[in-house]
Amino acid sequence: MHLVIRKTIEMNRFKLPLFLAAFLTITHCGTTEHSYDYTPADEAHIYYDIDGTIDDDVAVSEYIAPYVRSMARTMNRVITTSEGSFERGKPEGALGNLAADIVRYRAIAEMGKRVDVSVMNNGGLRVPLPEGKITIGHIYELMPFENYIAVLRFTGEQIKQIADELASVNGEATSGIRFRIVDGKARDILVDSLIVDPDRYYWLATNNWMADGGGDAPTLWEPLERHNIDVLIRDAIIEYLNGHETIAPYIDQRIRN
């Protein structure tokens, strides 16, 4: 891996543990090469090219060793065992089903009332979950973002529009809603096995990125009401899996074409 770091001359060394935690999390969770290029703004900085040709600094290595060991213990902790690989899929995938179900269940627990639907973007699920032991590190790889749960209220007519928007991209991760995709449109839309009532109100859980303007469902950006839940989706997934000795991938035809 090649990394270019901009460092100020008078760097506060006591900020190192915080920087290290973030750096180790990124390097542990990422599976691709990263290159960060900076354009010098002035000559008040020193620029170092850091790659595999530079030997370790013994003093620095000894200083950060406790943090490295602590991080490794946390990331390598097993939280469940999977009976199969969880993969993304279109119009439906086992990984999306798991994530959307967890978000909806957690939203119900936090809100203390019914949450009818959950919608997540497949692109936010960065890697599959493997068969076998699942660690905390796997979940950081799956969900490296600091996204939290947002719960939105919509009319039934808006729920139909959201289903159409999801159908136009051949589906996303969902929970609580079922439909067929025909010619890029949602058909036979059901929420809790019932036909959507255009005059009824529905609660929908998603991530704050989609609620704030990301993704391909613009109706999500115009809720009648919004509640932000102070729970990171990554943490919700870790806590859910930690409470289950084993998990197994599942497809239940919630979206089909």
C-alpha atoms as a PDB file:
ATOM      1  CA  MET A   1       0.000   0.000   0.000  1.00  0.00           C
ATOM      2  CA  HIS A   2       1.301   3.467  -0.865  1.00  0.00           C
ATOM      3  CA  LEU A   3       0.284   6.320   1.376  1.00  0.00           C
ATOM      4  CA  VAL A   4       1.193  10.001   1.271  1.00  0.00           C
ATOM      5  CA  ILE A   5       0.647  11.781   4.597  1.00  0.00           C
ATOM      6  CA  ARG A   6       0.788  15.534   5.178  1.00  0.00           C
ATOM      7  CA  LYS A   7       2.278  16.266   8.570  1.00  0.00           C
ATOM      8  CA  THR A   8       2.687  19.607  10.277  1.00  0.00           C
ATOM      9  CA  ILE A   9       6.067  20.416  11.758  1.00  0.00           C
ATOM     10  CA  GLU A  10       4.672  20.966  15.248  1.00  0.00           C
ATOM     11  CA  MET A  11       2.480  17.864  15.446  1.00  0.00           C
ATOM     12  CA  ASN A  12       0.893  17.217  18.816  1.00  0.00           C
ATOM     13  CA  ARG A  13       2.059  13.716  19.673  1.00  0.00           C
ATOM     14  CA  PHE A  14      -0.769  13.195  22.121  1.00  0.00           C
ATOM     15  CA  LYS A  15      -3.209  13.057  19.212  1.00  0.00           C
ATOM     16  CA  LEU A  16      -1.517   9.878  18.000  1.00  0.00           C
ATOM     17  CA  PRO A  17      -3.832   7.350  19.734  1.00  0.00           C
ATOM     18  CA  LEU A  18      -6.920   8.917  18.152  1.00  0.00           C
ATOM     19  CA  PHE A  19      -5.279   9.011  14.740  1.00  0.00           C
ATOM     20  CA  LEU A  20      -4.062   5.455  15.210  1.00  0.00           C
ATOM     21  CA  ALA A  21      -7.498   4.124  16.102  1.00  0.00           C
ATOM     22  CA  ALA A  22      -8.996   5.641  12.975  1.00  0.00           C
ATOM     23  CA  PHE A  23      -6.064   4.529  10.824  1.00  0.00           C
ATOM     24  CA  LEU A  24      -6.105   0.960  12.135  1.00  0.00           C
ATOM     25  CA  THR A  25      -9.854   0.715  11.667  1.00  0.00           C
ATOM     26  CA  ILE A  26      -9.522   1.803   8.038  1.00  0.00           C
ATOM     27  CA  THR A  27      -6.553  -0.440   7.277  1.00  0.00           C
ATOM     28  CA  HIS A  28      -8.132  -3.418   9.012  1.00  0.00           C
ATOM     29  CA  CYS A  29     -11.482  -3.011   7.331  1.00  0.00           C
ATOM     30  CA  GLY A  30     -10.416  -2.080   3.820  1.00  0.00           C
ATOM     31  CA  THR A  31      -9.450  -4.690   1.277  1.00  0.00           C
ATOM     32  CA  THR A  32      -8.326  -2.400  -1.517  1.00  0.00           C
ATOM     33  CA  GLU A  33      -5.321  -0.142  -1.949  1.00  0.00           C
ATOM     34  CA  HIS A  34      -5.746   3.460  -0.897  1.00  0.00           C
ATOM     35  CA  SER A  35      -3.840   6.426  -2.269  1.00  0.00           C
ATOM     36  CA  TYR A  36      -4.268   9.821  -0.697  1.00  0.00           C
ATOM     37  CA  ASP A  37      -2.711  12.622  -2.722  1.00  0.00           C
ATOM     38  CA  TYR A  38      -2.415  16.138  -1.392  1.00  0.00           C
ATOM     39  CA  THR A  39      -1.428  19.319  -3.188  1.00  0.00           C
ATOM     40  CA  PRO A  40       0.912  21.382  -0.994  1.00  0.00           C
ATOM     41  CA  ALA A  41      -0.803  24.575   0.113  1.00  0.00           C
ATOM     42  CA  ASP A  42       2.362  26.210   1.405  1.00  0.00           C
ATOM     43  CA  GLU A  43       5.765  25.342   2.780  1.00  0.00           C
ATOM     44  CA  ALA A  44       4.605  25.058   6.397  1.00  0.00           C
ATOM     45  CA  HIS A  45       4.303  21.292   5.971  1.00  0.00           C
ATOM     46  CA  ILE A  46       6.692  18.424   5.495  1.00  0.00           C
ATOM     47  CA  TYR A  47       5.617  15.699   3.058  1.00  0.00           C
ATOM     48  CA  TYR A  48       6.651  12.076   3.489  1.00  0.00           C
ATOM     49  CA  ASP A  49       6.275   9.234   1.009  1.00  0.00           C
ATOM     50  CA  ILE A  50       5.563   6.145   3.086  1.00  0.00           C
ATOM     51  CA  ASP A  51       5.766   2.709   1.495  1.00  0.00           C
ATOM     52  CA  GLY A  52       7.207  -0.737   2.080  1.00  0.00           C
ATOM     53  CA  THR A  53      10.803   0.411   1.558  1.00  0.00           C
ATOM     54  CA  ILE A  54      10.858   2.316   4.871  1.00  0.00           C
ATOM     55  CA  ASP A  55      11.920   0.346   7.938  1.00  0.00           C
ATOM     56  CA  ASP A  56       9.845   0.412  11.092  1.00  0.00           C
ATOM     57  CA  ASP A  57      10.729   2.989  13.704  1.00  0.00           C
ATOM     58  CA  VAL A  58      11.357   0.917  16.818  1.00  0.00           C
ATOM     59  CA  ALA A  59      10.329   3.639  19.267  1.00  0.00           C
ATOM     60  CA  VAL A  60       7.076   4.356  17.439  1.00  0.00           C
ATOM     61  CA  SER A  61       6.323   0.638  17.032  1.00  0.00           C
ATOM     62  CA  GLU A  62       6.768   0.078  20.764  1.00  0.00           C
ATOM     63  CA  TYR A  63       4.637   3.126  21.553  1.00  0.00           C
ATOM     64  CA  ILE A  64       1.678   2.018  19.438  1.00  0.00           C
ATOM     65  CA  ALA A  65       1.942  -1.719  20.185  1.00  0.00           C
ATOM     66  CA  PRO A  66      -0.618  -1.659  23.040  1.00  0.00           C
ATOM     67  CA  TYR A  67      -3.144   0.071  20.783  1.00  0.00           C
ATOM     68  CA  VAL A  68      -2.505  -2.425  17.989  1.00  0.00           C
ATOM     69  CA  ARG A  69      -3.067  -5.358  20.352  1.00  0.00           C
ATOM     70  CA  SER A  70      -6.221  -3.791  21.804  1.00  0.00           C
ATOM     71  CA  MET A  71      -7.624  -3.104  18.343  1.00  0.00           C
ATOM     72  CA  ALA A  72      -6.845  -6.644  17.189  1.00  0.00           C
ATOM     73  CA  ARG A  73      -8.602  -8.158  20.219  1.00  0.00           C
ATOM     74  CA  THR A  74     -11.716  -6.112  19.503  1.00  0.00           C
ATOM     75  CA  MET A  75     -11.825  -6.685  15.750  1.00  0.00           C
ATOM     76  CA  ASN A  76     -11.147 -10.423  16.015  1.00  0.00           C
ATOM     77  CA  ARG A  77     -13.890 -11.104  18.552  1.00  0.00           C
ATOM     78  CA  VAL A  78     -16.379 -13.637  17.148  1.00  0.00           C
ATOM     79  CA  ILE A  79     -20.019 -12.541  17.508  1.00  0.00           C
ATOM     80  CA  THR A  80     -21.835 -15.320  15.613  1.00  0.00           C
ATOM     81  CA  THR A  81     -21.366 -18.182  13.176  1.00  0.00           C
ATOM     82  CA  SER A  82     -22.947 -18.150   9.721  1.00  0.00           C
ATOM     83  CA  GLU A  83     -24.206 -21.297   8.020  1.00  0.00           C
ATOM     84  CA  GLY A  84     -23.598 -19.752   4.600  1.00  0.00           C
ATOM     85  CA  SER A  85     -22.302 -16.692   2.803  1.00  0.00           C
ATOM     86  CA  PHE A  86     -24.470 -13.554   2.828  1.00  0.00           C
ATOM     87  CA  GLU A  87     -24.241 -11.843  -0.576  1.00  0.00           C
ATOM     88  CA  ARG A  88     -25.803  -8.766  -2.140  1.00  0.00           C
ATOM     89  CA  GLY A  89     -28.302  -9.430  -4.905  1.00  0.00           C
ATOM     90  CA  LYS A  90     -30.788  -7.895  -7.302  1.00  0.00           C
ATOM     91  CA  PRO A  91     -33.713  -7.690  -7.033  1.00  0.00           C
ATOM     92  CA  GLU A  92     -33.171  -9.384  -3.653  1.00  0.00           C
ATOM     93  CA  GLY A  93     -30.161 -10.688  -1.759  1.00  0.00           C
ATOM     94  CA  ALA A  94     -29.559 -12.420   1.549  1.00  0.00           C
ATOM     95  CA  LEU A  95     -27.220  -9.674   2.760  1.00  0.00           C
ATOM     96  CA  GLY A  96     -29.733  -6.914   2.027  1.00  0.00           C
ATOM     97  CA  ASN A  97     -32.532  -8.908   3.652  1.00  0.00           C
ATOM     98  CA  LEU A  98     -30.501  -9.315   6.839  1.00  0.00           C
ATOM     99  CA  ALA A  99     -29.467  -5.648   7.038  1.00  0.00           C
ATOM    100  CA  ALA A 100     -32.936  -4.270   6.289  1.00  0.00           C
ATOM    101  CA  ASP A 101     -34.604  -6.622   8.775  1.00  0.00           C
ATOM    102  CA  ILE A 102     -32.127  -5.643  11.501  1.00  0.00           C
ATOM    103  CA  VAL A 103     -32.696  -1.930  10.873  1.00  0.00           C
ATOM    104  CA  ARG A 104     -36.489  -2.333  10.992  1.00  0.00           C
ATOM    105  CA  TYR A 105     -36.414  -4.472  14.155  1.00  0.00           C
ATOM    106  CA  ARG A 106     -34.110  -2.003  15.887  1.00  0.00           C
ATOM    107  CA  ALA A 107     -36.268   0.947  14.814  1.00  0.00           C
ATOM    108  CA  ILE A 108     -39.318  -0.788  16.310  1.00  0.00           C
ATOM    109  CA  ALA A 109     -37.454  -1.344  19.592  1.00  0.00           C
ATOM    110  CA  GLU A 110     -36.226   2.256  19.754  1.00  0.00           C
ATOM    111  CA  MET A 111     -39.496   3.891  18.696  1.00  0.00           C
ATOM    112  CA  GLY A 112     -41.645   1.654  20.871  1.00  0.00           C
ATOM    113  CA  LYS A 113     -44.208   1.343  18.101  1.00  0.00           C
ATOM    114  CA  ARG A 114     -44.813  -0.232  14.737  1.00  0.00           C
ATOM    115  CA  VAL A 115     -42.355   0.477  11.924  1.00  0.00           C
ATOM    116  CA  ASP A 116     -43.857  -0.946   8.761  1.00  0.00           C
ATOM    117  CA  VAL A 117     -41.039  -0.877   6.215  1.00  0.00           C
ATOM    118  CA  SER A 118     -37.277  -0.613   5.979  1.00  0.00           C
ATOM    119  CA  VAL A 119     -35.259   0.411   2.933  1.00  0.00           C
ATOM    120  CA  MET A 120     -31.473   0.227   2.626  1.00  0.00           C
ATOM    121  CA  ASN A 121     -29.152   0.816  -0.312  1.00  0.00           C
ATOM    122  CA  ASN A 122     -27.187  -2.211  -1.503  1.00  0.00           C
ATOM    123  CA  GLY A 123     -24.229   0.042  -2.247  1.00  0.00           C
ATOM    124  CA  GLY A 124     -23.847   0.778   1.458  1.00  0.00           C
ATOM    125  CA  LEU A 125     -23.202  -2.907   2.161  1.00  0.00           C
ATOM    126  CA  ARG A 126     -19.581  -3.000   1.128  1.00  0.00           C
ATOM    127  CA  VAL A 127     -18.591  -6.676   1.401  1.00  0.00           C
ATOM    128  CA  PRO A 128     -20.306 -10.063   1.816  1.00  0.00           C
ATOM    129  CA  LEU A 129     -20.436 -11.813   5.171  1.00  0.00           C
ATOM    130  CA  PRO A 130     -18.572 -15.124   4.895  1.00  0.00           C
ATOM    131  CA  GLU A 131     -19.640 -18.577   5.925  1.00  0.00           C
ATOM    132  CA  GLY A 132     -18.240 -19.545   9.301  1.00  0.00           C
ATOM    133  CA  LYS A 133     -17.171 -17.298  12.142  1.00  0.00           C
ATOM    134  CA  ILE A 134     -18.274 -13.660  11.905  1.00  0.00           C
ATOM    135  CA  THR A 135     -16.154 -11.128  13.783  1.00  0.00           C
ATOM    136  CA  ILE A 136     -16.606  -7.488  14.679  1.00  0.00           C
ATOM    137  CA  GLY A 137     -13.991  -6.734  12.033  1.00  0.00           C
ATOM    138  CA  HIS A 138     -16.251  -8.286   9.388  1.00  0.00           C
ATOM    139  CA  ILE A 139     -19.036  -5.879  10.344  1.00  0.00           C
ATOM    140  CA  TYR A 140     -16.704  -2.883  10.098  1.00  0.00           C
ATOM    141  CA  GLU A 141     -15.799  -4.066   6.597  1.00  0.00           C
ATOM    142  CA  LEU A 142     -19.476  -4.512   5.761  1.00  0.00           C
ATOM    143  CA  MET A 143     -20.522  -1.135   7.162  1.00  0.00           C
ATOM    144  CA  PRO A 144     -17.538   1.256   7.443  1.00  0.00           C
ATOM    145  CA  PHE A 145     -19.726   4.372   7.484  1.00  0.00           C
ATOM    146  CA  GLU A 146     -21.072   6.258  10.495  1.00  0.00           C
ATOM    147  CA  ASN A 147     -24.662   6.037   9.244  1.00  0.00           C
ATOM    148  CA  TYR A 148     -27.469   6.020  11.782  1.00  0.00           C
ATOM    149  CA  ILE A 149     -31.127   4.993  11.616  1.00  0.00           C
ATOM    150  CA  ALA A 150     -33.737   7.516  10.501  1.00  0.00           C
ATOM    151  CA  VAL A 151     -37.462   6.735  10.825  1.00  0.00           C
ATOM    152  CA  LEU A 152     -39.779   8.549   8.405  1.00  0.00           C
ATOM    153  CA  ARG A 153     -43.568   8.815   8.112  1.00  0.00           C
ATOM    154  CA  PHE A 154     -45.267   8.614   4.712  1.00  0.00           C
ATOM    155  CA  THR A 155     -48.730   8.266   3.230  1.00  0.00           C
ATOM    156  CA  GLY A 156     -49.652   5.040   1.484  1.00  0.00           C
ATOM    157  CA  GLU A 157     -49.414   6.863  -1.833  1.00  0.00           C
ATOM    158  CA  GLN A 158     -45.831   7.831  -1.037  1.00  0.00           C
ATOM    159  CA  ILE A 159     -45.018   4.228  -0.120  1.00  0.00           C
ATOM    160  CA  LYS A 160     -46.221   3.215  -3.592  1.00  0.00           C
ATOM    161  CA  GLN A 161     -43.983   5.884  -5.131  1.00  0.00           C
ATOM    162  CA  ILE A 162     -41.005   4.596  -3.130  1.00  0.00           C
ATOM    163  CA  ALA A 163     -41.713   1.053  -4.341  1.00  0.00           C
ATOM    164  CA  ASP A 164     -41.764   2.321  -7.937  1.00  0.00           C
ATOM    165  CA  GLU A 165     -38.457   4.126  -7.400  1.00  0.00           C
ATOM    166  CA  LEU A 166     -36.876   0.954  -6.015  1.00  0.00           C
ATOM    167  CA  ALA A 167     -38.286  -1.065  -8.900  1.00  0.00           C
ATOM    168  CA  SER A 168     -36.736   1.359 -11.394  1.00  0.00           C
ATOM    169  CA  VAL A 169     -33.258   0.279 -10.193  1.00  0.00           C
ATOM    170  CA  ASN A 170     -34.248  -3.415 -10.025  1.00  0.00           C
ATOM    171  CA  GLY A 171     -34.657  -3.418  -6.259  1.00  0.00           C
ATOM    172  CA  GLU A 172     -32.797  -2.470  -3.097  1.00  0.00           C
ATOM    173  CA  ALA A 173     -32.595  -4.025   0.359  1.00  0.00           C
ATOM    174  CA  THR A 174     -36.044  -3.948   1.969  1.00  0.00           C
ATOM    175  CA  SER A 175     -38.003  -5.310   4.899  1.00  0.00           C
ATOM    176  CA  GLY A 176     -41.755  -5.345   5.538  1.00  0.00           C
ATOM    177  CA  ILE A 177     -42.718  -4.636   1.932  1.00  0.00           C
ATOM    178  CA  ARG A 178     -43.233  -7.040  -0.972  1.00  0.00           C
ATOM    179  CA  PHE A 179     -43.765  -6.405  -4.684  1.00  0.00           C
ATOM    180  CA  ARG A 180     -43.103  -7.614  -8.210  1.00  0.00           C
ATOM    181  CA  ILE A 181     -41.135  -5.637 -10.774  1.00  0.00           C
ATOM    182  CA  VAL A 182     -42.859  -5.431 -14.146  1.00  0.00           C
ATOM    183  CA  ASP A 183     -41.400  -3.157 -16.837  1.00  0.00           C
ATOM    184  CA  GLY A 184     -39.518  -1.176 -14.216  1.00  0.00           C
ATOM    185  CA  LYS A 185     -42.620  -0.573 -12.080  1.00  0.00           C
ATOM    186  CA  ALA A 186     -43.721  -2.045  -8.748  1.00  0.00           C
ATOM    187  CA  ARG A 187     -46.811  -4.244  -8.921  1.00  0.00           C
ATOM    188  CA  ASP A 188     -48.830  -6.114  -6.270  1.00  0.00           C
ATOM    189  CA  ILE A 189     -47.354  -3.998  -3.471  1.00  0.00           C
ATOM    190  CA  LEU A 190     -47.990  -5.400  -0.003  1.00  0.00           C
ATOM    191  CA  VAL A 191     -47.028  -4.112   3.437  1.00  0.00           C
ATOM    192  CA  ASP A 192     -47.467  -6.680   6.204  1.00  0.00           C
ATOM    193  CA  SER A 193     -49.237  -8.891   3.646  1.00  0.00           C
ATOM    194  CA  LEU A 194     -51.897  -6.212   3.074  1.00  0.00           C
ATOM    195  CA  ILE A 195     -52.548  -4.030   0.033  1.00  0.00           C
ATOM    196  CA  VAL A 196     -51.157  -0.549   0.602  1.00  0.00           C
ATOM    197  CA  ASP A 197     -53.866   1.894   1.690  1.00  0.00           C
ATOM    198  CA  PRO A 198     -53.166   5.259  -0.023  1.00  0.00           C
ATOM    199  CA  ASP A 199     -54.915   7.115   2.813  1.00  0.00           C
ATOM    200  CA  ARG A 200     -53.071   5.411   5.657  1.00  0.00           C
ATOM    201  CA  TYR A 201     -49.777   6.550   7.221  1.00  0.00           C
ATOM    202  CA  TYR A 202     -46.748   4.247   7.344  1.00  0.00           C
ATOM    203  CA  TRP A 203     -43.447   4.440   9.211  1.00  0.00           C
ATOM    204  CA  LEU A 204     -40.308   3.595   7.261  1.00  0.00           C
ATOM    205  CA  ALA A 205     -36.781   3.059   8.627  1.00  0.00           C
ATOM    206  CA  THR A 206     -33.719   3.798   6.539  1.00  0.00           C
ATOM    207  CA  ASN A 207     -30.204   5.177   6.932  1.00  0.00           C
ATOM    208  CA  ASN A 208     -29.577   8.898   7.246  1.00  0.00           C
ATOM    209  CA  TRP A 209     -27.685   8.954   3.924  1.00  0.00           C
ATOM    210  CA  MET A 210     -30.780   7.908   1.983  1.00  0.00           C
ATOM    211  CA  ALA A 211     -33.011  10.181   4.066  1.00  0.00           C
ATOM    212  CA  ASP A 212     -30.708  13.144   3.459  1.00  0.00           C
ATOM    213  CA  GLY A 213     -30.692  12.964  -0.328  1.00  0.00           C
ATOM    214  CA  GLY A 214     -28.664   9.899  -1.269  1.00  0.00           C
ATOM    215  CA  GLY A 215     -29.792   6.998  -3.408  1.00  0.00           C
ATOM    216  CA  ASP A 216     -32.417   6.541  -6.080  1.00  0.00           C
ATOM    217  CA  ALA A 217     -35.642   7.038  -4.091  1.00  0.00           C
ATOM    218  CA  PRO A 218     -36.288  10.803  -3.947  1.00  0.00           C
ATOM    219  CA  THR A 219     -39.643  10.328  -2.208  1.00  0.00           C
ATOM    220  CA  LEU A 220     -37.617   9.377   0.887  1.00  0.00           C
ATOM    221  CA  TRP A 221     -36.416  12.973   1.008  1.00  0.00           C
ATOM    222  CA  GLU A 222     -39.904  14.365   1.606  1.00  0.00           C
ATOM    223  CA  PRO A 223     -41.349  12.631   4.686  1.00  0.00           C
ATOM    224  CA  LEU A 224     -44.278  13.987   6.616  1.00  0.00           C
ATOM    225  CA  GLU A 225     -42.314  13.455   9.823  1.00  0.00           C
ATOM    226  CA  ARG A 226     -38.817  12.319  10.757  1.00  0.00           C
ATOM    227  CA  HIS A 227     -37.202  10.843  13.859  1.00  0.00           C
ATOM    228  CA  ASN A 228     -33.440  10.331  14.042  1.00  0.00           C
ATOM    229  CA  ILE A 229     -32.403   7.386  16.200  1.00  0.00           C
ATOM    230  CA  ASP A 230     -29.035   7.698  17.902  1.00  0.00           C
ATOM    231  CA  VAL A 231     -27.951   4.210  16.884  1.00  0.00           C
ATOM    232  CA  LEU A 232     -25.315   3.513  14.259  1.00  0.00           C
ATOM    233  CA  ILE A 233     -26.451   0.856  11.820  1.00  0.00           C
ATOM    234  CA  ARG A 234     -23.113  -0.912  12.245  1.00  0.00           C
ATOM    235  CA  ASP A 235     -23.706  -1.115  16.011  1.00  0.00           C
ATOM    236  CA  ALA A 236     -27.251  -2.381  15.484  1.00  0.00           C
ATOM    237  CA  ILE A 237     -25.924  -5.182  13.280  1.00  0.00           C
ATOM    238  CA  ILE A 238     -23.200  -6.117  15.769  1.00  0.00           C
ATOM    239  CA  GLU A 239     -25.644  -6.193  18.685  1.00  0.00           C
ATOM    240  CA  TYR A 240     -28.185  -8.251  16.740  1.00  0.00           C
ATOM    241  CA  LEU A 241     -25.657 -10.837  15.570  1.00  0.00           C
ATOM    242  CA  ASN A 242     -24.057 -11.024  18.999  1.00  0.00           C
ATOM    243  CA  GLY A 243     -27.429 -12.185  20.320  1.00  0.00           C
ATOM    244  CA  HIS A 244     -27.664 -15.084  17.845  1.00  0.00           C
ATOM    245  CA  GLU A 245     -25.412 -18.111  18.142  1.00  0.00           C
ATOM    246  CA  THR A 246     -25.840 -18.903  14.447  1.00  0.00           C
ATOM    247  CA  ILE A 247     -27.347 -17.207  11.399  1.00  0.00           C
ATOM    248  CA  ALA A 248     -28.272 -18.520   7.945  1.00  0.00           C
ATOM    249  CA  PRO A 249     -28.821 -16.666   4.647  1.00  0.00           C
ATOM    250  CA  TYR A 250     -32.427 -16.410   3.481  1.00  0.00           C
ATOM    251  CA  ILE A 251     -34.333 -15.328   0.376  1.00  0.00           C
ATOM    252  CA  ASP A 252     -38.113 -15.019   0.699  1.00  0.00           C
ATOM    253  CA  GLN A 253     -39.197 -13.401  -2.588  1.00  0.00           C
ATOM    254  CA  ARG A 254     -39.934 -10.035  -1.010  1.00  0.00           C
ATOM    255  CA  ILE A 255     -38.935  -8.454  -4.326  1.00  0.00           C
ATOM    256  CA  ARG A 256     -39.194 -10.506  -7.501  1.00  0.00           C
ATOM    257  CA  ASN A 257     -39.258 -10.044 -11.247  1.00  0.00           C
END
